[in-house]
Amino acid sequence: GVQLAGGWGDAECAICLSELADGERVRVLPACGHGFHGACVDGWLAARASCPTCRAPSRLSRAGEP
């Protein structure tokens, strides 16, 4: 799902290593709960079906998301 970053503390996107800023849209993988910038993780998931942080299998459905 997509959430707004807030309460993520000093979290960063494990793909681009930039901070997940408050109010920024973050895509959260349902299997593990790790969050990333949408553009970063979309490219990752196009090539691999796993979380970039923990390698948990991901079957993120983007249907119906804005």
PDB file of N, CA and C in Angstrom:
ATOM      1  N   GLY A   1       0.821  -1.181   0.000  1.00  0.00           N
ATOM      2  CA  GLY A   1       0.000   0.000   0.000  1.00  0.00           C
ATOM      3  C   GLY A   1       0.863   1.242   0.000  1.00  0.00           C
ATOM      4  N   VAL A   2       0.222   2.360  -0.123  1.00  0.00           N
ATOM      5  CA  VAL A   2       0.909   3.643  -0.115  1.00  0.00           C
ATOM      6  C   VAL A   2       0.529   4.383   1.147  1.00  0.00           C
ATOM      7  N   GLN A   3       1.509   4.907   1.848  1.00  0.00           N
ATOM      8  CA  GLN A   3       1.281   5.686   3.059  1.00  0.00           C
ATOM      9  C   GLN A   3       2.064   6.976   2.943  1.00  0.00           C
ATOM     10  N   LEU A   4       1.682   7.955   3.746  1.00  0.00           N
ATOM     11  CA  LEU A   4       2.475   9.167   3.845  1.00  0.00           C
ATOM     12  C   LEU A   4       3.512   8.961   4.927  1.00  0.00           C
ATOM     13  N   ALA A   5       4.733   9.352   4.640  1.00  0.00           N
ATOM     14  CA  ALA A   5       5.788   9.228   5.642  1.00  0.00           C
ATOM     15  C   ALA A   5       5.473  10.163   6.793  1.00  0.00           C
ATOM     16  N   GLY A   6       5.497   9.648   7.938  1.00  0.00           N
ATOM     17  CA  GLY A   6       5.227  10.394   9.161  1.00  0.00           C
ATOM     18  C   GLY A   6       5.315   9.370  10.262  1.00  0.00           C
ATOM     19  N   GLY A   7       6.104   9.600  11.241  1.00  0.00           N
ATOM     20  CA  GLY A   7       6.312   8.589  12.251  1.00  0.00           C
ATOM     21  C   GLY A   7       7.336   7.551  11.817  1.00  0.00           C
ATOM     22  N   TRP A   8       7.990   7.774  10.696  1.00  0.00           N
ATOM     23  CA  TRP A   8       9.025   6.850  10.238  1.00  0.00           C
ATOM     24  C   TRP A   8      10.367   7.189  10.882  1.00  0.00           C
ATOM     25  N   GLY A   9      10.387   8.280  11.657  1.00  0.00           N
ATOM     26  CA  GLY A   9      11.632   8.657  12.328  1.00  0.00           C
ATOM     27  C   GLY A   9      12.699   9.046  11.325  1.00  0.00           C
ATOM     28  N   ASP A  10      13.878   8.473  11.480  1.00  0.00           N
ATOM     29  CA  ASP A  10      14.993   8.769  10.582  1.00  0.00           C
ATOM     30  C   ASP A  10      15.126   7.703   9.504  1.00  0.00           C
ATOM     31  N   ALA A  11      14.028   7.118   9.100  1.00  0.00           N
ATOM     32  CA  ALA A  11      14.064   6.036   8.119  1.00  0.00           C
ATOM     33  C   ALA A  11      14.537   6.557   6.771  1.00  0.00           C
ATOM     34  N   GLU A  12      15.176   5.672   6.033  1.00  0.00           N
ATOM     35  CA  GLU A  12      15.600   6.027   4.689  1.00  0.00           C
ATOM     36  C   GLU A  12      15.203   4.923   3.729  1.00  0.00           C
ATOM     37  N   CYS A  13      15.093   5.286   2.470  1.00  0.00           N
ATOM     38  CA  CYS A  13      14.808   4.330   1.410  1.00  0.00           C
ATOM     39  C   CYS A  13      16.072   3.494   1.211  1.00  0.00           C
ATOM     40  N   ALA A  14      15.963   2.184   1.347  1.00  0.00           N
ATOM     41  CA  ALA A  14      17.127   1.308   1.233  1.00  0.00           C
ATOM     42  C   ALA A  14      17.649   1.210  -0.197  1.00  0.00           C
ATOM     43  N   ILE A  15      16.889   1.716  -1.152  1.00  0.00           N
ATOM     44  CA  ILE A  15      17.313   1.639  -2.549  1.00  0.00           C
ATOM     45  C   ILE A  15      18.152   2.862  -2.928  1.00  0.00           C
ATOM     46  N   CYS A  16      17.628   4.072  -2.663  1.00  0.00           N
ATOM     47  CA  CYS A  16      18.356   5.294  -3.033  1.00  0.00           C
ATOM     48  C   CYS A  16      19.117   5.904  -1.860  1.00  0.00           C
ATOM     49  N   LEU A  17      18.859   5.404  -0.654  1.00  0.00           N
ATOM     50  CA  LEU A  17      19.507   5.849   0.582  1.00  0.00           C
ATOM     51  C   LEU A  17      19.160   7.276   0.988  1.00  0.00           C
ATOM     52  N   SER A  18      18.093   7.840   0.408  1.00  0.00           N
ATOM     53  CA  SER A  18      17.616   9.161   0.815  1.00  0.00           C
ATOM     54  C   SER A  18      16.592   9.001   1.927  1.00  0.00           C
ATOM     55  N   GLU A  19      16.472  10.019   2.755  1.00  0.00           N
ATOM     56  CA  GLU A  19      15.536  10.003   3.874  1.00  0.00           C
ATOM     57  C   GLU A  19      14.092   9.958   3.379  1.00  0.00           C
ATOM     58  N   LEU A  20      13.246   9.251   4.117  1.00  0.00           N
ATOM     59  CA  LEU A  20      11.806   9.258   3.863  1.00  0.00           C
ATOM     60  C   LEU A  20      11.240  10.433   4.653  1.00  0.00           C
ATOM     61  N   ALA A  21      11.025  11.550   3.979  1.00  0.00           N
ATOM     62  CA  ALA A  21      10.631  12.793   4.635  1.00  0.00           C
ATOM     63  C   ALA A  21       9.166  12.761   5.055  1.00  0.00           C
ATOM     64  N   ASP A  22       8.857  13.463   6.154  1.00  0.00           N
ATOM     65  CA  ASP A  22       7.473  13.572   6.608  1.00  0.00           C
ATOM     66  C   ASP A  22       6.607  14.120   5.484  1.00  0.00           C
ATOM     67  N   GLY A  23       5.456  13.506   5.266  1.00  0.00           N
ATOM     68  CA  GLY A  23       4.517  13.933   4.240  1.00  0.00           C
ATOM     69  C   GLY A  23       4.792  13.354   2.866  1.00  0.00           C
ATOM     70  N   GLU A  24       5.902  12.666   2.706  1.00  0.00           N
ATOM     71  CA  GLU A  24       6.256  12.063   1.422  1.00  0.00           C
ATOM     72  C   GLU A  24       5.506  10.743   1.248  1.00  0.00           C
ATOM     73  N   ARG A  25       5.126  10.439   0.015  1.00  0.00           N
ATOM     74  CA  ARG A  25       4.444   9.170  -0.258  1.00  0.00           C
ATOM     75  C   ARG A  25       5.452   8.030  -0.199  1.00  0.00           C
ATOM     76  N   VAL A  26       5.083   6.997   0.548  1.00  0.00           N
ATOM     77  CA  VAL A  26       5.957   5.844   0.739  1.00  0.00           C
ATOM     78  C   VAL A  26       5.175   4.592   0.380  1.00  0.00           C
ATOM     79  N   ARG A  27       5.773   3.724  -0.415  1.00  0.00           N
ATOM     80  CA  ARG A  27       5.130   2.447  -0.736  1.00  0.00           C
ATOM     81  C   ARG A  27       5.609   1.426   0.284  1.00  0.00           C
ATOM     82  N   VAL A  28       4.647   0.776   0.957  1.00  0.00           N
ATOM     83  CA  VAL A  28       4.955  -0.192   2.008  1.00  0.00           C
ATOM     84  C   VAL A  28       4.634  -1.591   1.494  1.00  0.00           C
ATOM     85  N   LEU A  29       5.599  -2.487   1.593  1.00  0.00           N
ATOM     86  CA  LEU A  29       5.386  -3.863   1.148  1.00  0.00           C
ATOM     87  C   LEU A  29       4.576  -4.605   2.202  1.00  0.00           C
ATOM     88  N   PRO A  30       3.479  -5.236   1.790  1.00  0.00           N
ATOM     89  CA  PRO A  30       2.573  -5.865   2.757  1.00  0.00           C
ATOM     90  C   PRO A  30       3.167  -7.060   3.500  1.00  0.00           C
ATOM     91  N   ALA A  31       4.069  -7.794   2.894  1.00  0.00           N
ATOM     92  CA  ALA A  31       4.606  -8.999   3.532  1.00  0.00           C
ATOM     93  C   ALA A  31       5.495  -8.685   4.730  1.00  0.00           C
ATOM     94  N   CYS A  32       6.233  -7.569   4.657  1.00  0.00           N
ATOM     95  CA  CYS A  32       7.216  -7.286   5.707  1.00  0.00           C
ATOM     96  C   CYS A  32       7.065  -5.913   6.351  1.00  0.00           C
ATOM     97  N   GLY A  33       6.335  -5.009   5.701  1.00  0.00           N
ATOM     98  CA  GLY A  33       6.122  -3.682   6.262  1.00  0.00           C
ATOM     99  C   GLY A  33       7.229  -2.679   5.988  1.00  0.00           C
ATOM    100  N   HIS A  34       8.235  -3.049   5.200  1.00  0.00           N
ATOM    101  CA  HIS A  34       9.295  -2.102   4.870  1.00  0.00           C
ATOM    102  C   HIS A  34       8.769  -1.076   3.868  1.00  0.00           C
ATOM    103  N   GLY A  35       9.224   0.173   4.016  1.00  0.00           N
ATOM    104  CA  GLY A  35       8.757   1.255   3.165  1.00  0.00           C
ATOM    105  C   GLY A  35       9.864   1.848   2.315  1.00  0.00           C
ATOM    106  N   PHE A  36       9.489   2.299   1.118  1.00  0.00           N
ATOM    107  CA  PHE A  36      10.437   2.845   0.146  1.00  0.00           C
ATOM    108  C   PHE A  36       9.753   3.941  -0.648  1.00  0.00           C
ATOM    109  N   HIS A  37      10.539   4.780  -1.317  1.00  0.00           N
ATOM    110  CA  HIS A  37       9.959   5.707  -2.278  1.00  0.00           C
ATOM    111  C   HIS A  37       9.295   4.864  -3.368  1.00  0.00           C
ATOM    112  N   GLY A  38       8.114   5.275  -3.809  1.00  0.00           N
ATOM    113  CA  GLY A  38       7.385   4.513  -4.818  1.00  0.00           C
ATOM    114  C   GLY A  38       8.188   4.279  -6.082  1.00  0.00           C
ATOM    115  N   ALA A  39       8.806   5.330  -6.613  1.00  0.00           N
ATOM    116  CA  ALA A  39       9.567   5.196  -7.858  1.00  0.00           C
ATOM    117  C   ALA A  39      10.748   4.243  -7.691  1.00  0.00           C
ATOM    118  N   CYS A  40      11.361   4.258  -6.535  1.00  0.00           N
ATOM    119  CA  CYS A  40      12.504   3.372  -6.282  1.00  0.00           C
ATOM    120  C   CYS A  40      12.073   1.910  -6.253  1.00  0.00           C
ATOM    121  N   VAL A  41      11.063   1.612  -5.462  1.00  0.00           N
ATOM    122  CA  VAL A  41      10.670   0.214  -5.276  1.00  0.00           C
ATOM    123  C   VAL A  41       9.923  -0.334  -6.491  1.00  0.00           C
ATOM    124  N   ASP A  42       9.240   0.521  -7.241  1.00  0.00           N
ATOM    125  CA  ASP A  42       8.563   0.036  -8.449  1.00  0.00           C
ATOM    126  C   ASP A  42       9.583  -0.527  -9.437  1.00  0.00           C
ATOM    127  N   GLY A  43      10.697   0.177  -9.612  1.00  0.00           N
ATOM    128  CA  GLY A  43      11.750  -0.315 -10.496  1.00  0.00           C
ATOM    129  C   GLY A  43      12.363  -1.602  -9.982  1.00  0.00           C
ATOM    130  N   TRP A  44      12.571  -1.662  -8.671  1.00  0.00           N
ATOM    131  CA  TRP A  44      13.131  -2.868  -8.052  1.00  0.00           C
ATOM    132  C   TRP A  44      12.199  -4.059  -8.276  1.00  0.00           C
ATOM    133  N   LEU A  45      10.903  -3.870  -7.995  1.00  0.00           N
ATOM    134  CA  LEU A  45       9.946  -4.975  -8.097  1.00  0.00           C
ATOM    135  C   LEU A  45       9.688  -5.396  -9.537  1.00  0.00           C
ATOM    136  N   ALA A  46       9.972  -4.517 -10.495  1.00  0.00           N
ATOM    137  CA  ALA A  46       9.833  -4.897 -11.901  1.00  0.00           C
ATOM    138  C   ALA A  46      10.870  -5.959 -12.270  1.00  0.00           C
ATOM    139  N   ALA A  47      12.007  -5.947 -11.567  1.00  0.00           N
ATOM    140  CA  ALA A  47      13.082  -6.892 -11.856  1.00  0.00           C
ATOM    141  C   ALA A  47      13.142  -8.057 -10.874  1.00  0.00           C
ATOM    142  N   ARG A  48      12.662  -7.830  -9.635  1.00  0.00           N
ATOM    143  CA  ARG A  48      12.759  -8.842  -8.580  1.00  0.00           C
ATOM    144  C   ARG A  48      11.480  -8.853  -7.765  1.00  0.00           C
ATOM    145  N   ALA A  49      11.041 -10.010  -7.343  1.00  0.00           N
ATOM    146  CA  ALA A  49       9.797 -10.112  -6.566  1.00  0.00           C
ATOM    147  C   ALA A  49      10.102 -10.315  -5.087  1.00  0.00           C
ATOM    148  N   SER A  50      10.982  -9.458  -4.553  1.00  0.00           N
ATOM    149  CA  SER A  50      11.331  -9.573  -3.138  1.00  0.00           C
ATOM    150  C   SER A  50      11.636  -8.196  -2.570  1.00  0.00           C
ATOM    151  N   CYS A  51      11.553  -8.091  -1.253  1.00  0.00           N
ATOM    152  CA  CYS A  51      11.857  -6.844  -0.557  1.00  0.00           C
ATOM    153  C   CYS A  51      13.354  -6.547  -0.670  1.00  0.00           C
ATOM    154  N   PRO A  52      13.729  -5.308  -1.001  1.00  0.00           N
ATOM    155  CA  PRO A  52      15.149  -4.964  -1.086  1.00  0.00           C
ATOM    156  C   PRO A  52      15.872  -5.031   0.259  1.00  0.00           C
ATOM    157  N   THR A  53      15.151  -4.934   1.353  1.00  0.00           N
ATOM    158  CA  THR A  53      15.767  -4.935   2.676  1.00  0.00           C
ATOM    159  C   THR A  53      15.925  -6.340   3.241  1.00  0.00           C
ATOM    160  N   CYS A  54      14.839  -7.125   3.238  1.00  0.00           N
ATOM    161  CA  CYS A  54      14.881  -8.431   3.912  1.00  0.00           C
ATOM    162  C   CYS A  54      14.688  -9.614   2.965  1.00  0.00           C
ATOM    163  N   ARG A  55      14.446  -9.319   1.701  1.00  0.00           N
ATOM    164  CA  ARG A  55      14.247 -10.351   0.665  1.00  0.00           C
ATOM    165  C   ARG A  55      12.962 -11.160   0.842  1.00  0.00           C
ATOM    166  N   ALA A  56      12.036 -10.680   1.664  1.00  0.00           N
ATOM    167  CA  ALA A  56      10.744 -11.362   1.803  1.00  0.00           C
ATOM    168  C   ALA A  56      10.040 -11.337   0.448  1.00  0.00           C
ATOM    169  N   PRO A  57       9.395 -12.420   0.067  1.00  0.00           N
ATOM    170  CA  PRO A  57       8.664 -12.427  -1.201  1.00  0.00           C
ATOM    171  C   PRO A  57       7.620 -11.320  -1.218  1.00  0.00           C
ATOM    172  N   SER A  58       7.505 -10.643  -2.346  1.00  0.00           N
ATOM    173  CA  SER A  58       6.540  -9.555  -2.456  1.00  0.00           C
ATOM    174  C   SER A  58       5.685  -9.755  -3.686  1.00  0.00           C
ATOM    175  N   ARG A  59       4.408  -9.688  -3.479  1.00  0.00           N
ATOM    176  CA  ARG A  59       3.463  -9.755  -4.590  1.00  0.00           C
ATOM    177  C   ARG A  59       2.619  -8.505  -4.553  1.00  0.00           C
ATOM    178  N   LEU A  60       3.266  -7.363  -4.502  1.00  0.00           N
ATOM    179  CA  LEU A  60       2.588  -6.079  -4.384  1.00  0.00           C
ATOM    180  C   LEU A  60       1.709  -5.854  -5.594  1.00  0.00           C
ATOM    181  N   SER A  61       0.428  -5.731  -5.353  1.00  0.00           N
ATOM    182  CA  SER A  61      -0.521  -5.424  -6.416  1.00  0.00           C
ATOM    183  C   SER A  61      -0.700  -3.928  -6.478  1.00  0.00           C
ATOM    184  N   ARG A  62      -0.503  -3.348  -7.650  1.00  0.00           N
ATOM    185  CA  ARG A  62      -0.655  -1.914  -7.790  1.00  0.00           C
ATOM    186  C   ARG A  62      -2.023  -1.562  -8.334  1.00  0.00           C
ATOM    187  N   ALA A  63      -2.871  -2.533  -8.555  1.00  0.00           N
ATOM    188  CA  ALA A  63      -4.218  -2.267  -9.060  1.00  0.00           C
ATOM    189  C   ALA A  63      -4.996  -1.427  -8.073  1.00  0.00           C
ATOM    190  N   GLY A  64      -5.616  -0.384  -8.569  1.00  0.00           N
ATOM    191  CA  GLY A  64      -6.463   0.446  -7.737  1.00  0.00           C
ATOM    192  C   GLY A  64      -5.732   1.495  -6.933  1.00  0.00           C
ATOM    193  N   GLU A  65      -4.408   1.536  -7.014  1.00  0.00           N
ATOM    194  CA  GLU A  65      -3.673   2.564  -6.297  1.00  0.00           C
ATOM    195  C   GLU A  65      -3.609   3.824  -7.142  1.00  0.00           C
ATOM    196  N   PRO A  66      -3.621   4.981  -6.487  1.00  0.00           N
ATOM    197  CA  PRO A  66      -3.563   6.242  -7.253  1.00  0.00           C
ATOM    198  C   PRO A  66      -2.236   6.441  -7.949  1.00  0.00           C
TER     199      PRO A  66
END
